[in-house]
PDB file of N, CA and C in Angstrom:
ATOM      1  N   MET A   1      42.225  86.464 228.138  1.00  0.00           N
ATOM      2  CA  MET A   1      41.624  85.175 228.058  1.00  0.00           C
ATOM      3  C   MET A   1      40.462  85.255 227.083  1.00  0.00           C
ATOM      4  N   SER A   2      40.471  84.402 226.112  1.00  0.00           N
ATOM      5  CA  SER A   2      39.417  84.444 225.112  1.00  0.00           C
ATOM      6  C   SER A   2      38.322  83.464 225.469  1.00  0.00           C
ATOM      7  N   LYS A   3      37.136  83.850 225.071  1.00  0.00           N
ATOM      8  CA  LYS A   3      35.967  83.017 225.366  1.00  0.00           C
ATOM      9  C   LYS A   3      35.660  82.175 224.139  1.00  0.00           C
ATOM     10  N   THR A   4      35.469  80.922 224.320  1.00  0.00           N
ATOM     11  CA  THR A   4      35.122  80.054 223.205  1.00  0.00           C
ATOM     12  C   THR A   4      33.612  79.998 223.067  1.00  0.00           C
ATOM     13  N   ALA A   5      33.188  79.825 221.843  1.00  0.00           N
ATOM     14  CA  ALA A   5      31.756  79.797 221.580  1.00  0.00           C
ATOM     15  C   ALA A   5      31.180  78.456 222.005  1.00  0.00           C
ATOM     16  N   ASN A   6      29.986  78.529 222.582  1.00  0.00           N
ATOM     17  CA  ASN A   6      29.320  77.289 222.947  1.00  0.00           C
ATOM     18  C   ASN A   6      28.395  76.866 221.811  1.00  0.00           C
ATOM     19  N   TRP A   7      27.717  75.731 221.996  1.00  0.00           N
ATOM     20  CA  TRP A   7      26.848  75.201 220.940  1.00  0.00           C
ATOM     21  C   TRP A   7      25.706  76.151 220.604  1.00  0.00           C
ATOM     22  N   GLN A   8      25.214  76.819 221.596  1.00  0.00           N
ATOM     23  CA  GLN A   8      24.080  77.742 221.353  1.00  0.00           C
ATOM     24  C   GLN A   8      24.523  78.916 220.479  1.00  0.00           C
ATOM     25  N   ASP A   9      25.723  79.474 220.739  1.00  0.00           N
ATOM     26  CA  ASP A   9      26.258  80.570 219.925  1.00  0.00           C
ATOM     27  C   ASP A   9      26.523  80.110 218.495  1.00  0.00           C
ATOM     28  N   LEU A  10      27.050  78.917 218.349  1.00  0.00           N
ATOM     29  CA  LEU A  10      27.316  78.393 217.011  1.00  0.00           C
ATOM     30  C   LEU A  10      26.012  78.174 216.246  1.00  0.00           C
ATOM     31  N   PHE A  11      25.003  77.691 216.954  1.00  0.00           N
ATOM     32  CA  PHE A  11      23.699  77.492 216.312  1.00  0.00           C
ATOM     33  C   PHE A  11      23.096  78.821 215.852  1.00  0.00           C
ATOM     34  N   LYS A  12      23.241  79.873 216.684  1.00  0.00           N
ATOM     35  CA  LYS A  12      22.756  81.213 216.294  1.00  0.00           C
ATOM     36  C   LYS A  12      23.498  81.706 215.054  1.00  0.00           C
ATOM     37  N   LEU A  13      24.809  81.501 215.034  1.00  0.00           N
ATOM     38  CA  LEU A  13      25.620  81.939 213.890  1.00  0.00           C
ATOM     39  C   LEU A  13      25.196  81.217 212.614  1.00  0.00           C
ATOM     40  N   ILE A  14      24.990  79.916 212.702  1.00  0.00           N
ATOM     41  CA  ILE A  14      24.574  79.139 211.530  1.00  0.00           C
ATOM     42  C   ILE A  14      23.187  79.596 211.068  1.00  0.00           C
ATOM     43  N   THR A  15      22.299  79.867 212.013  1.00  0.00           N
ATOM     44  CA  THR A  15      20.957  80.332 211.667  1.00  0.00           C
ATOM     45  C   THR A  15      21.026  81.687 210.971  1.00  0.00           C
ATOM     46  N   LEU A  16      21.845  82.604 211.480  1.00  0.00           N
ATOM     47  CA  LEU A  16      21.993  83.927 210.848  1.00  0.00           C
ATOM     48  C   LEU A  16      22.581  83.817 209.448  1.00  0.00           C
ATOM     49  N   GLN A  17      23.582  82.958 209.275  1.00  0.00           N
ATOM     50  CA  GLN A  17      24.176  82.773 207.950  1.00  0.00           C
ATOM     51  C   GLN A  17      23.149  82.199 206.983  1.00  0.00           C
ATOM     52  N   SER A  18      22.347  81.293 207.462  1.00  0.00           N
ATOM     53  CA  SER A  18      21.310  80.704 206.621  1.00  0.00           C
ATOM     54  C   SER A  18      20.284  81.764 206.217  1.00  0.00           C
ATOM     55  N   CYS A  19      19.889  82.619 207.164  1.00  0.00           N
ATOM     56  CA  CYS A  19      18.938  83.704 206.849  1.00  0.00           C
ATOM     57  C   CYS A  19      19.527  84.672 205.828  1.00  0.00           C
ATOM     58  N   ILE A  20      20.800  84.994 205.977  1.00  0.00           N
ATOM     59  CA  ILE A  20      21.465  85.912 205.040  1.00  0.00           C
ATOM     60  C   ILE A  20      21.477  85.311 203.642  1.00  0.00           C
ATOM     61  N   LEU A  21      21.837  84.040 203.539  1.00  0.00           N
ATOM     62  CA  LEU A  21      21.870  83.383 202.226  1.00  0.00           C
ATOM     63  C   LEU A  21      20.476  83.328 201.604  1.00  0.00           C
ATOM     64  N   ASP A  22      19.451  83.006 202.409  1.00  0.00           N
ATOM     65  CA  ASP A  22      18.074  82.980 201.899  1.00  0.00           C
ATOM     66  C   ASP A  22      17.643  84.353 201.402  1.00  0.00           C
ATOM     67  N   ASN A  23      17.989  85.392 202.152  1.00  0.00           N
ATOM     68  CA  ASN A  23      17.617  86.752 201.748  1.00  0.00           C
ATOM     69  C   ASN A  23      18.347  87.183 200.487  1.00  0.00           C
ATOM     70  N   GLU A  24      19.597  86.777 200.332  1.00  0.00           N
ATOM     71  CA  GLU A  24      20.336  87.088 199.109  1.00  0.00           C
ATOM     72  C   GLU A  24      19.670  86.435 197.903  1.00  0.00           C
ATOM     73  N   VAL A  25      19.247  85.183 198.068  1.00  0.00           N
ATOM     74  CA  VAL A  25      18.565  84.480 196.978  1.00  0.00           C
ATOM     75  C   VAL A  25      17.268  85.198 196.629  1.00  0.00           C
ATOM     76  N   LEU A  26      16.486  85.594 197.657  1.00  0.00           N
ATOM     77  CA  LEU A  26      15.231  86.312 197.410  1.00  0.00           C
ATOM     78  C   LEU A  26      15.492  87.663 196.731  1.00  0.00           C
ATOM     79  N   LEU A  27      16.533  88.342 197.170  1.00  0.00           N
ATOM     80  CA  LEU A  27      16.877  89.629 196.554  1.00  0.00           C
ATOM     81  C   LEU A  27      17.215  89.448 195.082  1.00  0.00           C
ATOM     82  N   HIS A  28      17.992  88.443 194.760  1.00  0.00           N
ATOM     83  CA  HIS A  28      18.344  88.190 193.355  1.00  0.00           C
ATOM     84  C   HIS A  28      17.099  87.863 192.531  1.00  0.00           C
ATOM     85  N   GLU A  29      16.172  87.125 193.126  1.00  0.00           N
ATOM     86  CA  GLU A  29      14.932  86.812 192.419  1.00  0.00           C
ATOM     87  C   GLU A  29      14.112  88.074 192.158  1.00  0.00           C
ATOM     88  N   VAL A  30      14.032  88.949 193.152  1.00  0.00           N
ATOM     89  CA  VAL A  30      13.285  90.196 192.985  1.00  0.00           C
ATOM     90  C   VAL A  30      13.945  91.067 191.923  1.00  0.00           C
ATOM     91  N   VAL A  31      15.266  91.195 191.980  1.00  0.00           N
ATOM     92  CA  VAL A  31      15.994  91.999 190.989  1.00  0.00           C
ATOM     93  C   VAL A  31      15.768  91.425 189.597  1.00  0.00           C
ATOM     94  N   HIS A  32      15.843  90.123 189.477  1.00  0.00           N
ATOM     95  CA  HIS A  32      15.614  89.491 188.181  1.00  0.00           C
ATOM     96  C   HIS A  32      14.181  89.759 187.699  1.00  0.00           C
ATOM     97  N   GLY A  33      13.212  89.659 188.608  1.00  0.00           N
ATOM     98  CA  GLY A  33      11.822  89.944 188.242  1.00  0.00           C
ATOM     99  C   GLY A  33      11.632  91.373 187.771  1.00  0.00           C
ATOM    100  N   VAL A  34      12.261  92.318 188.455  1.00  0.00           N
ATOM    101  CA  VAL A  34      12.172  93.729 188.047  1.00  0.00           C
ATOM    102  C   VAL A  34      12.829  93.923 186.691  1.00  0.00           C
ATOM    103  N   ASP A  35      13.990  93.301 186.495  1.00  0.00           N
ATOM    104  CA  ASP A  35      14.672  93.408 185.202  1.00  0.00           C
ATOM    105  C   ASP A  35      13.803  92.854 184.078  1.00  0.00           C
ATOM    106  N   VAL A  36      13.126  91.731 184.344  1.00  0.00           N
ATOM    107  CA  VAL A  36      12.261  91.133 183.325  1.00  0.00           C
ATOM    108  C   VAL A  36      11.106  92.077 183.012  1.00  0.00           C
ATOM    109  N   VAL A  37      10.502  92.654 184.062  1.00  0.00           N
ATOM    110  CA  VAL A  37       9.367  93.557 183.842  1.00  0.00           C
ATOM    111  C   VAL A  37       9.810  94.796 183.075  1.00  0.00           C
ATOM    112  N   LEU A  38      10.914  95.383 183.502  1.00  0.00           N
ATOM    113  CA  LEU A  38      11.382  96.602 182.833  1.00  0.00           C
ATOM    114  C   LEU A  38      11.938  96.318 181.450  1.00  0.00           C
ATOM    115  N   GLY A  39      12.675  95.267 181.314  1.00  0.00           N
ATOM    116  CA  GLY A  39      13.295  94.954 180.025  1.00  0.00           C
ATOM    117  C   GLY A  39      12.358  94.255 179.080  1.00  0.00           C
ATOM    118  N   GLY A  40      11.352  93.568 179.590  1.00  0.00           N
ATOM    119  CA  GLY A  40      10.462  92.796 178.753  1.00  0.00           C
ATOM    120  C   GLY A  40       9.479  93.633 177.974  1.00  0.00           C
ATOM    121  N   ASN A  41       9.151  94.805 178.472  1.00  0.00           N
ATOM    122  CA  ASN A  41       8.158  95.643 177.809  1.00  0.00           C
ATOM    123  C   ASN A  41       8.880  96.741 177.042  1.00  0.00           C
ATOM    124  N   LEU A  42       9.306  96.439 175.855  1.00  0.00           N
ATOM    125  CA  LEU A  42      10.082  97.363 175.032  1.00  0.00           C
ATOM    126  C   LEU A  42       9.278  98.606 174.684  1.00  0.00           C
ATOM    127  N   THR A  43       7.997  98.436 174.437  1.00  0.00           N
ATOM    128  CA  THR A  43       7.152  99.573 174.046  1.00  0.00           C
ATOM    129  C   THR A  43       7.110 100.620 175.156  1.00  0.00           C
ATOM    130  N   SER A  44       6.921 100.171 176.393  1.00  0.00           N
ATOM    131  CA  SER A  44       6.857 101.145 177.493  1.00  0.00           C
ATOM    132  C   SER A  44       8.205 101.810 177.702  1.00  0.00           C
ATOM    133  N   ASN A  45       9.281 101.065 177.510  1.00  0.00           N
ATOM    134  CA  ASN A  45      10.608 101.669 177.616  1.00  0.00           C
ATOM    135  C   ASN A  45      10.809 102.747 176.565  1.00  0.00           C
ATOM    136  N   LEU A  46      10.399 102.441 175.347  1.00  0.00           N
ATOM    137  CA  LEU A  46      10.553 103.425 174.267  1.00  0.00           C
ATOM    138  C   LEU A  46       9.656 104.637 174.498  1.00  0.00           C
ATOM    139  N   ARG A  47       8.442 104.396 174.988  1.00  0.00           N
ATOM    140  CA  ARG A  47       7.548 105.525 175.291  1.00  0.00           C
ATOM    141  C   ARG A  47       8.139 106.409 176.376  1.00  0.00           C
ATOM    142  N   ARG A  48       8.685 105.779 177.411  1.00  0.00           N
ATOM    143  CA  ARG A  48       9.300 106.550 178.485  1.00  0.00           C
ATOM    144  C   ARG A  48      10.472 107.370 177.944  1.00  0.00           C
ATOM    145  N   GLU A  49      11.286 106.756 177.090  1.00  0.00           N
ATOM    146  CA  GLU A  49      12.427 107.458 176.508  1.00  0.00           C
ATOM    147  C   GLU A  49      11.962 108.632 175.649  1.00  0.00           C
ATOM    148  N   VAL A  50      10.925 108.410 174.842  1.00  0.00           N
ATOM    149  CA  VAL A  50      10.370 109.487 174.013  1.00  0.00           C
ATOM    150  C   VAL A  50       9.853 110.613 174.906  1.00  0.00           C
ATOM    151  N   SER A  51       9.151 110.245 175.957  1.00  0.00           N
ATOM    152  CA  SER A  51       8.611 111.239 176.879  1.00  0.00           C
ATOM    153  C   SER A  51       9.734 112.044 177.533  1.00  0.00           C
ATOM    154  N   GLU A  52      10.783 111.366 177.967  1.00  0.00           N
ATOM    155  CA  GLU A  52      11.922 112.062 178.574  1.00  0.00           C
ATOM    156  C   GLU A  52      12.585 113.002 177.577  1.00  0.00           C
ATOM    157  N   ARG A  53      12.719 112.545 176.337  1.00  0.00           N
ATOM    158  CA  ARG A  53      13.344 113.395 175.317  1.00  0.00           C
ATOM    159  C   ARG A  53      12.462 114.597 174.984  1.00  0.00           C
ATOM    160  N   GLU A  54      11.149 114.395 174.934  1.00  0.00           N
ATOM    161  CA  GLU A  54      10.241 115.513 174.679  1.00  0.00           C
ATOM    162  C   GLU A  54      10.315 116.536 175.801  1.00  0.00           C
ATOM    163  N   ALA A  55      10.385 116.061 177.041  1.00  0.00           N
ATOM    164  CA  ALA A  55      10.499 116.974 178.180  1.00  0.00           C
ATOM    165  C   ALA A  55      11.808 117.756 178.102  1.00  0.00           C
ATOM    166  N   ARG A  56      12.885 117.080 177.755  1.00  0.00           N
ATOM    167  CA  ARG A  56      14.190 117.747 177.625  1.00  0.00           C
ATOM    168  C   ARG A  56      14.164 118.752 176.480  1.00  0.00           C
ATOM    169  N   LEU A  57      13.513 118.384 175.381  1.00  0.00           N
ATOM    170  CA  LEU A  57      13.400 119.288 174.243  1.00  0.00           C
ATOM    171  C   LEU A  57      12.617 120.539 174.629  1.00  0.00           C
ATOM    172  N   GLU A  58      11.530 120.364 175.344  1.00  0.00           N
ATOM    173  CA  GLU A  58      10.737 121.514 175.793  1.00  0.00           C
ATOM    174  C   GLU A  58      11.565 122.415 176.707  1.00  0.00           C
ATOM    175  N   GLU A  59      12.348 121.795 177.572  1.00  0.00           N
ATOM    176  CA  GLU A  59      13.230 122.562 178.459  1.00  0.00           C
ATOM    177  C   GLU A  59      14.247 123.362 177.656  1.00  0.00           C
ATOM    178  N   LEU A  60      14.808 122.745 176.633  1.00  0.00           N
ATOM    179  CA  LEU A  60      15.787 123.436 175.787  1.00  0.00           C
ATOM    180  C   LEU A  60      15.136 124.581 175.006  1.00  0.00           C
ATOM    181  N   ILE A  61      13.902 124.368 174.554  1.00  0.00           N
ATOM    182  CA  ILE A  61      13.193 125.433 173.837  1.00  0.00           C
ATOM    183  C   ILE A  61      12.957 126.621 174.751  1.00  0.00           C
ATOM    184  N   VAL A  62      12.540 126.348 175.981  1.00  0.00           N
ATOM    185  CA  VAL A  62      12.311 127.425 176.952  1.00  0.00           C
ATOM    186  C   VAL A  62      13.623 128.163 177.231  1.00  0.00           C
ATOM    187  N   ASN A  63      14.702 127.409 177.410  1.00  0.00           N
ATOM    188  CA  ASN A  63      16.005 128.030 177.666  1.00  0.00           C
ATOM    189  C   ASN A  63      16.452 128.880 176.474  1.00  0.00           C
ATOM    190  N   ARG A  64      16.223 128.384 175.256  1.00  0.00           N
ATOM    191  CA  ARG A  64      16.597 129.137 174.059  1.00  0.00           C
ATOM    192  C   ARG A  64      15.824 130.444 173.993  1.00  0.00           C
ATOM    193  N   ARG A  65      14.527 130.369 174.307  1.00  0.00           N
ATOM    194  CA  ARG A  65      13.685 131.565 174.296  1.00  0.00           C
ATOM    195  C   ARG A  65      14.197 132.598 175.308  1.00  0.00           C
ATOM    196  N   LYS A  66      14.567 132.117 176.487  1.00  0.00           N
ATOM    197  CA  LYS A  66      15.096 133.022 177.515  1.00  0.00           C
ATOM    198  C   LYS A  66      16.388 133.676 177.050  1.00  0.00           C
ATOM    199  N   VAL A  67      17.273 132.879 176.451  1.00  0.00           N
ATOM    200  CA  VAL A  67      18.550 133.412 175.974  1.00  0.00           C
ATOM    201  C   VAL A  67      18.313 134.444 174.875  1.00  0.00           C
ATOM    202  N   ALA A  68      17.375 134.171 173.983  1.00  0.00           N
ATOM    203  CA  ALA A  68      17.079 135.111 172.898  1.00  0.00           C
ATOM    204  C   ALA A  68      16.540 136.428 173.467  1.00  0.00           C
ATOM    205  N   GLU A  69      15.649 136.339 174.452  1.00  0.00           N
ATOM    206  CA  GLU A  69      15.104 137.551 175.070  1.00  0.00           C
ATOM    207  C   GLU A  69      16.195 138.339 175.784  1.00  0.00           C
ATOM    208  N   GLU A  70      17.043 137.642 176.525  1.00  0.00           N
ATOM    209  CA  GLU A  70      18.144 138.312 177.212  1.00  0.00           C
ATOM    210  C   GLU A  70      19.108 138.937 176.213  1.00  0.00           C
ATOM    211  N   SER A  71      19.324 138.267 175.097  1.00  0.00           N
ATOM    212  CA  SER A  71      20.211 138.791 174.068  1.00  0.00           C
ATOM    213  C   SER A  71      19.671 140.098 173.498  1.00  0.00           C
ATOM    214  N   VAL A  72      18.359 140.144 173.247  1.00  0.00           N
ATOM    215  CA  VAL A  72      17.744 141.377 172.743  1.00  0.00           C
ATOM    216  C   VAL A  72      17.906 142.493 173.764  1.00  0.00           C
ATOM    217  N   GLN A  73      17.662 142.171 175.030  1.00  0.00           N
ATOM    218  CA  GLN A  73      17.793 143.183 176.080  1.00  0.00           C
ATOM    219  C   GLN A  73      19.230 143.676 176.196  1.00  0.00           C
ATOM    220  N   LEU A  74      20.187 142.764 176.119  1.00  0.00           N
ATOM    221  CA  LEU A  74      21.589 143.157 176.226  1.00  0.00           C
ATOM    222  C   LEU A  74      22.030 143.983 175.017  1.00  0.00           C
ATOM    223  N   ARG A  75      21.536 143.636 173.826  1.00  0.00           N
ATOM    224  CA  ARG A  75      21.859 144.439 172.646  1.00  0.00           C
ATOM    225  C   ARG A  75      21.334 145.864 172.808  1.00  0.00           C
ATOM    226  N   TYR A  76      20.106 145.977 173.313  1.00  0.00           N
ATOM    227  CA  TYR A  76      19.530 147.301 173.546  1.00  0.00           C
ATOM    228  C   TYR A  76      20.372 148.072 174.563  1.00  0.00           C
ATOM    229  N   GLU A  77      20.783 147.395 175.629  1.00  0.00           N
ATOM    230  CA  GLU A  77      21.603 148.047 176.658  1.00  0.00           C
ATOM    231  C   GLU A  77      22.948 148.490 176.086  1.00  0.00           C
ATOM    232  N   ILE A  78      23.564 147.655 175.244  1.00  0.00           N
ATOM    233  CA  ILE A  78      24.838 148.020 174.612  1.00  0.00           C
ATOM    234  C   ILE A  78      24.646 149.239 173.717  1.00  0.00           C
ATOM    235  N   LYS A  79      23.575 149.260 172.932  1.00  0.00           N
ATOM    236  CA  LYS A  79      23.305 150.408 172.055  1.00  0.00           C
ATOM    237  C   LYS A  79      23.091 151.668 172.879  1.00  0.00           C
ATOM    238  N   ARG A  80      22.338 151.540 173.980  1.00  0.00           N
ATOM    239  CA  ARG A  80      22.079 152.694 174.841  1.00  0.00           C
ATOM    240  C   ARG A  80      23.391 153.222 175.433  1.00  0.00           C
ATOM    241  N   ARG A  81      24.252 152.321 175.862  1.00  0.00           N
ATOM    242  CA  ARG A  81      25.529 152.749 176.446  1.00  0.00           C
ATOM    243  C   ARG A  81      26.446 153.371 175.393  1.00  0.00           C
ATOM    244  N   ARG A  82      26.430 152.823 174.169  1.00  0.00           N
ATOM    245  CA  ARG A  82      27.232 153.420 173.092  1.00  0.00           C
ATOM    246  C   ARG A  82      26.766 154.845 172.804  1.00  0.00           C
ATOM    247  N   ASP A  83      25.444 155.011 172.736  1.00  0.00           N
ATOM    248  CA  ASP A  83      24.902 156.351 172.500  1.00  0.00           C
ATOM    249  C   ASP A  83      25.294 157.296 173.627  1.00  0.00           C
ATOM    250  N   SER A  84      25.219 156.804 174.846  1.00  0.00           N
ATOM    251  CA  SER A  84      25.586 157.621 176.003  1.00  0.00           C
ATOM    252  C   SER A  84      27.062 158.011 175.935  1.00  0.00           C
ATOM    253  N   LEU A  85      27.928 157.042 175.590  1.00  0.00           N
ATOM    254  CA  LEU A  85      29.359 157.342 175.461  1.00  0.00           C
ATOM    255  C   LEU A  85      29.617 158.350 174.337  1.00  0.00           C
ATOM    256  N   ARG A  86      28.907 158.185 173.218  1.00  0.00           N
ATOM    257  CA  ARG A  86      29.069 159.127 172.111  1.00  0.00           C
ATOM    258  C   ARG A  86      28.686 160.538 172.552  1.00  0.00           C
ATOM    259  N   GLN A  87      27.580 160.653 173.265  1.00  0.00           N
ATOM    260  CA  GLN A  87      27.154 161.965 173.761  1.00  0.00           C
ATOM    261  C   GLN A  87      28.172 162.539 174.743  1.00  0.00           C
ATOM    262  N   ARG A  88      28.713 161.713 175.595  1.00  0.00           N
ATOM    263  CA  ARG A  88      29.726 162.188 176.545  1.00  0.00           C
ATOM    264  C   ARG A  88      30.972 162.681 175.815  1.00  0.00           C
ATOM    265  N   ARG A  89      31.387 161.924 174.778  1.00  0.00           N
ATOM    266  CA  ARG A  89      32.560 162.354 174.001  1.00  0.00           C
ATOM    267  C   ARG A  89      32.307 163.706 173.334  1.00  0.00           C
ATOM    268  N   GLU A  90      31.110 163.861 172.768  1.00  0.00           N
ATOM    269  CA  GLU A  90      30.775 165.135 172.128  1.00  0.00           C
ATOM    270  C   GLU A  90      30.786 166.269 173.145  1.00  0.00           C
ATOM    271  N   MET A  91      30.206 166.012 174.322  1.00  0.00           N
ATOM    272  CA  MET A  91      30.196 167.037 175.367  1.00  0.00           C
ATOM    273  C   MET A  91      31.613 167.356 175.830  1.00  0.00           C
ATOM    274  N   LEU A  92      32.434 166.340 175.961  1.00  0.00           N
ATOM    275  CA  LEU A  92      33.823 166.539 176.369  1.00  0.00           C
ATOM    276  C   LEU A  92      34.580 167.343 175.315  1.00  0.00           C
ATOM    277  N   ALA A  93      34.349 167.022 174.055  1.00  0.00           N
ATOM    278  CA  ALA A  93      35.017 167.775 172.975  1.00  0.00           C
ATOM    279  C   ALA A  93      34.574 169.233 173.011  1.00  0.00           C
ATOM    280  N   LEU A  94      33.277 169.494 173.206  1.00  0.00           N
ATOM    281  CA  LEU A  94      32.793 170.867 173.309  1.00  0.00           C
ATOM    282  C   LEU A  94      33.402 171.587 174.510  1.00  0.00           C
ATOM    283  N   ALA A  95      33.468 170.885 175.629  1.00  0.00           N
ATOM    284  CA  ALA A  95      34.045 171.491 176.835  1.00  0.00           C
ATOM    285  C   ALA A  95      35.523 171.806 176.619  1.00  0.00           C
ATOM    286  N   ARG A  96      36.254 170.925 175.950  1.00  0.00           N
ATOM    287  CA  ARG A  96      37.671 171.190 175.666  1.00  0.00           C
ATOM    288  C   ARG A  96      37.821 172.404 174.749  1.00  0.00           C
ATOM    289  N   ASP A  97      36.969 172.469 173.724  1.00  0.00           N
ATOM    290  CA  ASP A  97      37.021 173.621 172.821  1.00  0.00           C
ATOM    291  C   ASP A  97      36.739 174.911 173.570  1.00  0.00           C
ATOM    292  N   GLN A  98      35.719 174.896 174.409  1.00  0.00           N
ATOM    293  CA  GLN A  98      35.395 176.096 175.178  1.00  0.00           C
ATOM    294  C   GLN A  98      36.523 176.456 176.138  1.00  0.00           C
ATOM    295  N   HIS A  99      37.093 175.443 176.769  1.00  0.00           N
ATOM    296  CA  HIS A  99      38.193 175.695 177.700  1.00  0.00           C
ATOM    297  C   HIS A  99      39.387 176.281 176.953  1.00  0.00           C
ATOM    298  N   LYS A 100      39.650 175.735 175.773  1.00  0.00           N
ATOM    299  CA  LYS A 100      40.757 176.244 174.953  1.00  0.00           C
ATOM    300  C   LYS A 100      40.503 177.702 174.560  1.00  0.00           C
ATOM    301  N   LYS A 101      39.251 177.995 174.181  1.00  0.00           N
ATOM    302  CA  LYS A 101      38.909 179.376 173.802  1.00  0.00           C
ATOM    303  C   LYS A 101      39.035 180.315 174.986  1.00  0.00           C
ATOM    304  N   VAL A 102      38.615 179.835 176.168  1.00  0.00           N
ATOM    305  CA  VAL A 102      38.732 180.671 177.375  1.00  0.00           C
ATOM    306  C   VAL A 102      40.198 180.944 177.664  1.00  0.00           C
ATOM    307  N   LEU A 103      41.043 179.916 177.564  1.00  0.00           N
ATOM    308  CA  LEU A 103      42.477 180.105 177.803  1.00  0.00           C
ATOM    309  C   LEU A 103      43.085 181.066 176.783  1.00  0.00           C
ATOM    310  N   GLU A 104      42.677 180.952 175.518  1.00  0.00           N
ATOM    311  CA  GLU A 104      43.185 181.855 174.484  1.00  0.00           C
ATOM    312  C   GLU A 104      42.718 183.289 174.752  1.00  0.00           C
ATOM    313  N   ALA A 105      41.454 183.416 175.181  1.00  0.00           N
ATOM    314  CA  ALA A 105      40.933 184.760 175.480  1.00  0.00           C
ATOM    315  C   ALA A 105      41.672 185.355 176.662  1.00  0.00           C
ATOM    316  N   GLU A 106      41.958 184.562 177.666  1.00  0.00           N
ATOM    317  CA  GLU A 106      42.710 185.058 178.816  1.00  0.00           C
ATOM    318  C   GLU A 106      44.108 185.473 178.413  1.00  0.00           C
ATOM    319  N   SER A 107      44.707 184.641 177.538  1.00  0.00           N
ATOM    320  CA  SER A 107      46.054 184.952 177.070  1.00  0.00           C
ATOM    321  C   SER A 107      46.052 186.255 176.276  1.00  0.00           C
ATOM    322  N   GLU A 108      45.054 186.429 175.411  1.00  0.00           N
ATOM    323  CA  GLU A 108      44.956 187.664 174.630  1.00  0.00           C
ATOM    324  C   GLU A 108      44.721 188.859 175.540  1.00  0.00           C
ATOM    325  N   THR A 109      43.897 188.675 176.560  1.00  0.00           N
ATOM    326  CA  THR A 109      43.619 189.759 177.498  1.00  0.00           C
ATOM    327  C   THR A 109      44.884 190.124 178.250  1.00  0.00           C
ATOM    328  N   LYS A 110      45.656 189.142 178.660  1.00  0.00           N
ATOM    329  CA  LYS A 110      46.922 189.427 179.345  1.00  0.00           C
ATOM    330  C   LYS A 110      47.870 190.177 178.415  1.00  0.00           C
ATOM    331  N   ASP A 111      47.938 189.728 177.161  1.00  0.00           N
ATOM    332  CA  ASP A 111      48.819 190.389 176.196  1.00  0.00           C
ATOM    333  C   ASP A 111      48.400 191.832 175.981  1.00  0.00           C
ATOM    334  N   VAL A 112      47.103 192.089 175.852  1.00  0.00           N
ATOM    335  CA  VAL A 112      46.602 193.451 175.657  1.00  0.00           C
ATOM    336  C   VAL A 112      46.913 194.300 176.896  1.00  0.00           C
ATOM    337  N   LEU A 113      46.712 193.759 178.065  1.00  0.00           N
ATOM    338  CA  LEU A 113      46.996 194.491 179.297  1.00  0.00           C
ATOM    339  C   LEU A 113      48.475 194.787 179.432  1.00  0.00           C
ATOM    340  N   LEU A 114      49.320 193.846 179.023  1.00  0.00           N
ATOM    341  CA  LEU A 114      50.758 194.051 179.094  1.00  0.00           C
ATOM    342  C   LEU A 114      51.206 195.118 178.082  1.00  0.00           C
ATOM    343  N   GLN A 115      50.550 195.150 176.926  1.00  0.00           N
ATOM    344  CA  GLN A 115      50.920 196.129 175.907  1.00  0.00           C
ATOM    345  C   GLN A 115      50.465 197.534 176.304  1.00  0.00           C
ATOM    346  N   ASP A 116      49.337 197.570 177.008  1.00  0.00           N
ATOM    347  CA  ASP A 116      48.808 198.872 177.431  1.00  0.00           C
ATOM    348  C   ASP A 116      49.660 199.496 178.540  1.00  0.00           C
ATOM    349  N   ARG A 117      50.403 198.812 179.229  1.00  0.00           N
ATOM    350  CA  ARG A 117      51.201 199.352 180.324  1.00  0.00           C
ATOM    351  C   ARG A 117      52.405 199.986 179.813  1.00  0.00           C
TER     352      ARG A 117
END
C-alpha cells in the first residue's frame, strides 16, 4: 500500500526545490564573479604563469645538475671496474702461464723419472 503525499509534504518539496534553484543561481553568479576576477586581470595571470615557468625551470636546472653529477660518478665507477677487470685478466693470464709451466715441469719430471728406471 503506497502512501500519498499530503499538502504539507508537497509544500516541503516545493520549498526544497525552490532553495535548490536559488542556490544554483547563486553558485553560477559566484563562479562567474571568480571567472571575471581571474580572467579580467591579464597581468596577474601572466605574472603567475611566468612565476610557474621560472619555478619549473629552476627545478629542471637542479635535476640536470644532479644527473650531471651522477653521470660523473658513474663514469668514474665504470673506469674503476674496467681497471679492476683488466687487472684480474692479467692476473688470470699469469696464473694460467704459471699453471702451464708447473704442468710442463711435472711432465718433464715424470719423463726423466721414467727414463731413469
